[in-house]
Amino acid sequence: MLFIEYPKCSTCKKAKKWLDGHGVDYVDRDIKLDNPTAGELRAWHAASGLDRKRFVNTSGMIYRQMGLKDKLPQMSDDELFALLATDGMLVKRPLIIDEDRGIYLSGFREEEWEQALL
């Protein structure tokens, strides 16, 4: 299982503490040092069934500076995932990716994580 986080993010810290507290094994990946590629994001989106907006950090400073709220609806999936691949701060986090079990979680929602991971 892959846990993609930004180590300075308080939500990511809370999620990591939750994983550790529940004995969930994972491989940690720093989104600033190893941002997901457009191909990874496209594949995770397709496999997850999640709305593509669930992969976008809509509360981030870069999102606001770029005016993505208005641009996002007109962007194709290819354009969106290429943009997200340019900067990890544009990607919603934390992400849990477990391709073997078909688990794709975006953001930390304790109830959702409990149902999927325990």
C-alpha atoms as a PDB file:
ATOM      1  CA  MET A   1       0.000   0.000   0.000  1.00  0.00           C
ATOM      2  CA  LEU A   2       1.277   3.422  -0.959  1.00  0.00           C
ATOM      3  CA  PHE A   3       0.764   6.419   1.340  1.00  0.00           C
ATOM      4  CA  ILE A   4       1.407   9.682  -0.500  1.00  0.00           C
ATOM      5  CA  GLU A   5       1.768  12.659   1.793  1.00  0.00           C
ATOM      6  CA  TYR A   6       3.239  16.083   2.315  1.00  0.00           C
ATOM      7  CA  PRO A   7       5.096  15.662   5.645  1.00  0.00           C
ATOM      8  CA  LYS A   8       4.352  19.236   6.807  1.00  0.00           C
ATOM      9  CA  CYS A   9       0.590  18.845   6.224  1.00  0.00           C
ATOM     10  CA  SER A  10      -1.364  18.489   9.474  1.00  0.00           C
ATOM     11  CA  THR A  11      -4.002  16.269   7.829  1.00  0.00           C
ATOM     12  CA  CYS A  12      -1.267  13.996   6.479  1.00  0.00           C
ATOM     13  CA  LYS A  13       0.285  13.768   9.950  1.00  0.00           C
ATOM     14  CA  LYS A  14      -3.107  12.853  11.410  1.00  0.00           C
ATOM     15  CA  ALA A  15      -3.636  10.213   8.705  1.00  0.00           C
ATOM     16  CA  LYS A  16      -0.183   8.730   9.257  1.00  0.00           C
ATOM     17  CA  LYS A  17      -0.806   8.553  12.996  1.00  0.00           C
ATOM     18  CA  TRP A  18      -4.111   6.788  12.271  1.00  0.00           C
ATOM     19  CA  LEU A  19      -2.398   4.249   9.976  1.00  0.00           C
ATOM     20  CA  ASP A  20       0.335   3.571  12.539  1.00  0.00           C
ATOM     21  CA  GLY A  21      -2.205   3.321  15.359  1.00  0.00           C
ATOM     22  CA  HIS A  22      -4.182   0.707  13.434  1.00  0.00           C
ATOM     23  CA  GLY A  23      -1.113  -1.288  12.405  1.00  0.00           C
ATOM     24  CA  VAL A  24      -1.602  -0.657   8.689  1.00  0.00           C
ATOM     25  CA  ASP A  25       1.538  -1.354   6.649  1.00  0.00           C
ATOM     26  CA  TYR A  26       2.402   1.173   3.961  1.00  0.00           C
ATOM     27  CA  VAL A  27       5.204   2.619   1.880  1.00  0.00           C
ATOM     28  CA  ASP A  28       5.594   6.351   2.484  1.00  0.00           C
ATOM     29  CA  ARG A  29       6.059   8.735  -0.454  1.00  0.00           C
ATOM     30  CA  ASP A  30       6.724  12.463  -0.067  1.00  0.00           C
ATOM     31  CA  ILE A  31       4.629  14.268  -2.682  1.00  0.00           C
ATOM     32  CA  LYS A  32       7.116  17.154  -2.879  1.00  0.00           C
ATOM     33  CA  LEU A  33      10.066  14.859  -3.607  1.00  0.00           C
ATOM     34  CA  ASP A  34       8.218  12.295  -5.746  1.00  0.00           C
ATOM     35  CA  ASN A  35       5.073  13.805  -7.227  1.00  0.00           C
ATOM     36  CA  PRO A  36       2.659  11.424  -8.951  1.00  0.00           C
ATOM     37  CA  THR A  37       3.053  11.374 -12.725  1.00  0.00           C
ATOM     38  CA  ALA A  38       0.229  12.192 -15.111  1.00  0.00           C
ATOM     39  CA  GLY A  39       0.103   8.490 -16.005  1.00  0.00           C
ATOM     40  CA  GLU A  40      -0.213   7.422 -12.373  1.00  0.00           C
ATOM     41  CA  LEU A  41      -2.941   9.974 -11.689  1.00  0.00           C
ATOM     42  CA  ARG A  42      -4.843   8.971 -14.831  1.00  0.00           C
ATOM     43  CA  ALA A  43      -4.652   5.282 -13.912  1.00  0.00           C
ATOM     44  CA  TRP A  44      -5.672   5.854 -10.274  1.00  0.00           C
ATOM     45  CA  HIS A  45      -8.589   8.026 -11.357  1.00  0.00           C
ATOM     46  CA  ALA A  46      -9.794   5.399 -13.835  1.00  0.00           C
ATOM     47  CA  ALA A  47      -9.452   2.543 -11.325  1.00  0.00           C
ATOM     48  CA  SER A  48     -10.936   4.441  -8.383  1.00  0.00           C
ATOM     49  CA  GLY A  49     -14.253   5.572  -9.801  1.00  0.00           C
ATOM     50  CA  LEU A  50     -13.709   8.829  -7.897  1.00  0.00           C
ATOM     51  CA  ASP A  51     -14.583  12.187  -9.377  1.00  0.00           C
ATOM     52  CA  ARG A  52     -11.416  13.674 -10.838  1.00  0.00           C
ATOM     53  CA  LYS A  53     -11.822  16.694  -8.558  1.00  0.00           C
ATOM     54  CA  ARG A  54     -11.033  14.365  -5.618  1.00  0.00           C
ATOM     55  CA  PHE A  55      -7.426  14.353  -6.880  1.00  0.00           C
ATOM     56  CA  VAL A  56      -7.163  18.155  -6.833  1.00  0.00           C
ATOM     57  CA  ASN A  57      -6.054  20.126  -3.783  1.00  0.00           C
ATOM     58  CA  THR A  58      -8.839  22.700  -4.000  1.00  0.00           C
ATOM     59  CA  SER A  59      -7.804  24.358  -0.739  1.00  0.00           C
ATOM     60  CA  GLY A  60      -4.232  24.999  -1.818  1.00  0.00           C
ATOM     61  CA  MET A  61      -2.638  28.353  -2.474  1.00  0.00           C
ATOM     62  CA  ILE A  62      -1.483  27.407  -6.000  1.00  0.00           C
ATOM     63  CA  TYR A  63      -5.023  26.274  -6.910  1.00  0.00           C
ATOM     64  CA  ARG A  64      -6.335  29.705  -5.950  1.00  0.00           C
ATOM     65  CA  GLN A  65      -3.465  31.628  -7.564  1.00  0.00           C
ATOM     66  CA  MET A  66      -3.995  29.813 -10.862  1.00  0.00           C
ATOM     67  CA  GLY A  67      -7.765  30.367 -10.789  1.00  0.00           C
ATOM     68  CA  LEU A  68      -8.349  26.653 -11.276  1.00  0.00           C
ATOM     69  CA  LYS A  69     -11.867  26.767  -9.859  1.00  0.00           C
ATOM     70  CA  ASP A  70     -13.000  28.388 -13.102  1.00  0.00           C
ATOM     71  CA  LYS A  71     -10.599  26.526 -15.412  1.00  0.00           C
ATOM     72  CA  LEU A  72     -11.085  22.977 -14.084  1.00  0.00           C
ATOM     73  CA  PRO A  73     -14.522  22.320 -15.648  1.00  0.00           C
ATOM     74  CA  GLN A  74     -13.193  23.065 -19.164  1.00  0.00           C
ATOM     75  CA  MET A  75     -10.004  21.011 -18.810  1.00  0.00           C
ATOM     76  CA  SER A  76      -9.750  17.558 -20.335  1.00  0.00           C
ATOM     77  CA  ASP A  77      -8.545  14.713 -18.135  1.00  0.00           C
ATOM     78  CA  ASP A  78      -5.210  14.731 -19.973  1.00  0.00           C
ATOM     79  CA  GLU A  79      -4.782  18.479 -19.364  1.00  0.00           C
ATOM     80  CA  LEU A  80      -5.744  18.152 -15.711  1.00  0.00           C
ATOM     81  CA  PHE A  81      -3.458  15.225 -14.917  1.00  0.00           C
ATOM     82  CA  ALA A  82      -0.557  16.822 -16.809  1.00  0.00           C
ATOM     83  CA  LEU A  83      -1.033  19.974 -14.727  1.00  0.00           C
ATOM     84  CA  LEU A  84      -1.255  18.056 -11.434  1.00  0.00           C
ATOM     85  CA  ALA A  85       1.961  16.218 -12.322  1.00  0.00           C
ATOM     86  CA  THR A  86       3.838  19.547 -12.442  1.00  0.00           C
ATOM     87  CA  ASP A  87       3.512  20.286  -8.711  1.00  0.00           C
ATOM     88  CA  GLY A  88       2.644  18.028  -5.787  1.00  0.00           C
ATOM     89  CA  MET A  89       0.966  20.923  -4.006  1.00  0.00           C
ATOM     90  CA  LEU A  90      -1.816  20.762  -6.620  1.00  0.00           C
ATOM     91  CA  VAL A  91      -2.601  17.141  -5.721  1.00  0.00           C
ATOM     92  CA  LYS A  92      -5.083  16.296  -2.956  1.00  0.00           C
ATOM     93  CA  ARG A  93      -3.398  14.526  -0.101  1.00  0.00           C
ATOM     94  CA  PRO A  94      -2.951  12.239   1.590  1.00  0.00           C
ATOM     95  CA  LEU A  95      -3.537   9.537  -0.971  1.00  0.00           C
ATOM     96  CA  ILE A  96      -3.801   5.826  -0.249  1.00  0.00           C
ATOM     97  CA  ILE A  97      -3.171   3.604  -3.237  1.00  0.00           C
ATOM     98  CA  ASP A  98      -3.487  -0.172  -2.934  1.00  0.00           C
ATOM     99  CA  GLU A  99      -3.845  -1.462  -6.467  1.00  0.00           C
ATOM    100  CA  ASP A 100      -3.867  -5.112  -5.346  1.00  0.00           C
ATOM    101  CA  ARG A 101      -6.971  -4.562  -3.202  1.00  0.00           C
ATOM    102  CA  GLY A 102      -8.506  -1.894  -5.445  1.00  0.00           C
ATOM    103  CA  ILE A 103      -8.336   0.794  -2.749  1.00  0.00           C
ATOM    104  CA  TYR A 104      -7.925   4.425  -3.788  1.00  0.00           C
ATOM    105  CA  LEU A 105      -8.499   7.045  -1.096  1.00  0.00           C
ATOM    106  CA  SER A 106      -8.040  10.777  -1.472  1.00  0.00           C
ATOM    107  CA  GLY A 107      -7.949  13.038   1.570  1.00  0.00           C
ATOM    108  CA  PHE A 108      -8.308  11.756   5.111  1.00  0.00           C
ATOM    109  CA  ARG A 109     -11.835  10.805   6.072  1.00  0.00           C
ATOM    110  CA  GLU A 110     -11.561   8.503   9.081  1.00  0.00           C
ATOM    111  CA  GLU A 111     -14.831   6.638   8.456  1.00  0.00           C
ATOM    112  CA  GLU A 112     -13.971   6.039   4.819  1.00  0.00           C
ATOM    113  CA  TRP A 113     -10.485   4.821   5.736  1.00  0.00           C
ATOM    114  CA  GLU A 114     -11.868   2.525   8.450  1.00  0.00           C
ATOM    115  CA  GLN A 115     -14.268   0.866   6.026  1.00  0.00           C
ATOM    116  CA  ALA A 116     -11.643   0.462   3.319  1.00  0.00           C
ATOM    117  CA  LEU A 117      -8.574  -0.496   5.320  1.00  0.00           C
ATOM    118  CA  LEU A 118      -9.676  -2.379   8.439  1.00  0.00           C
END
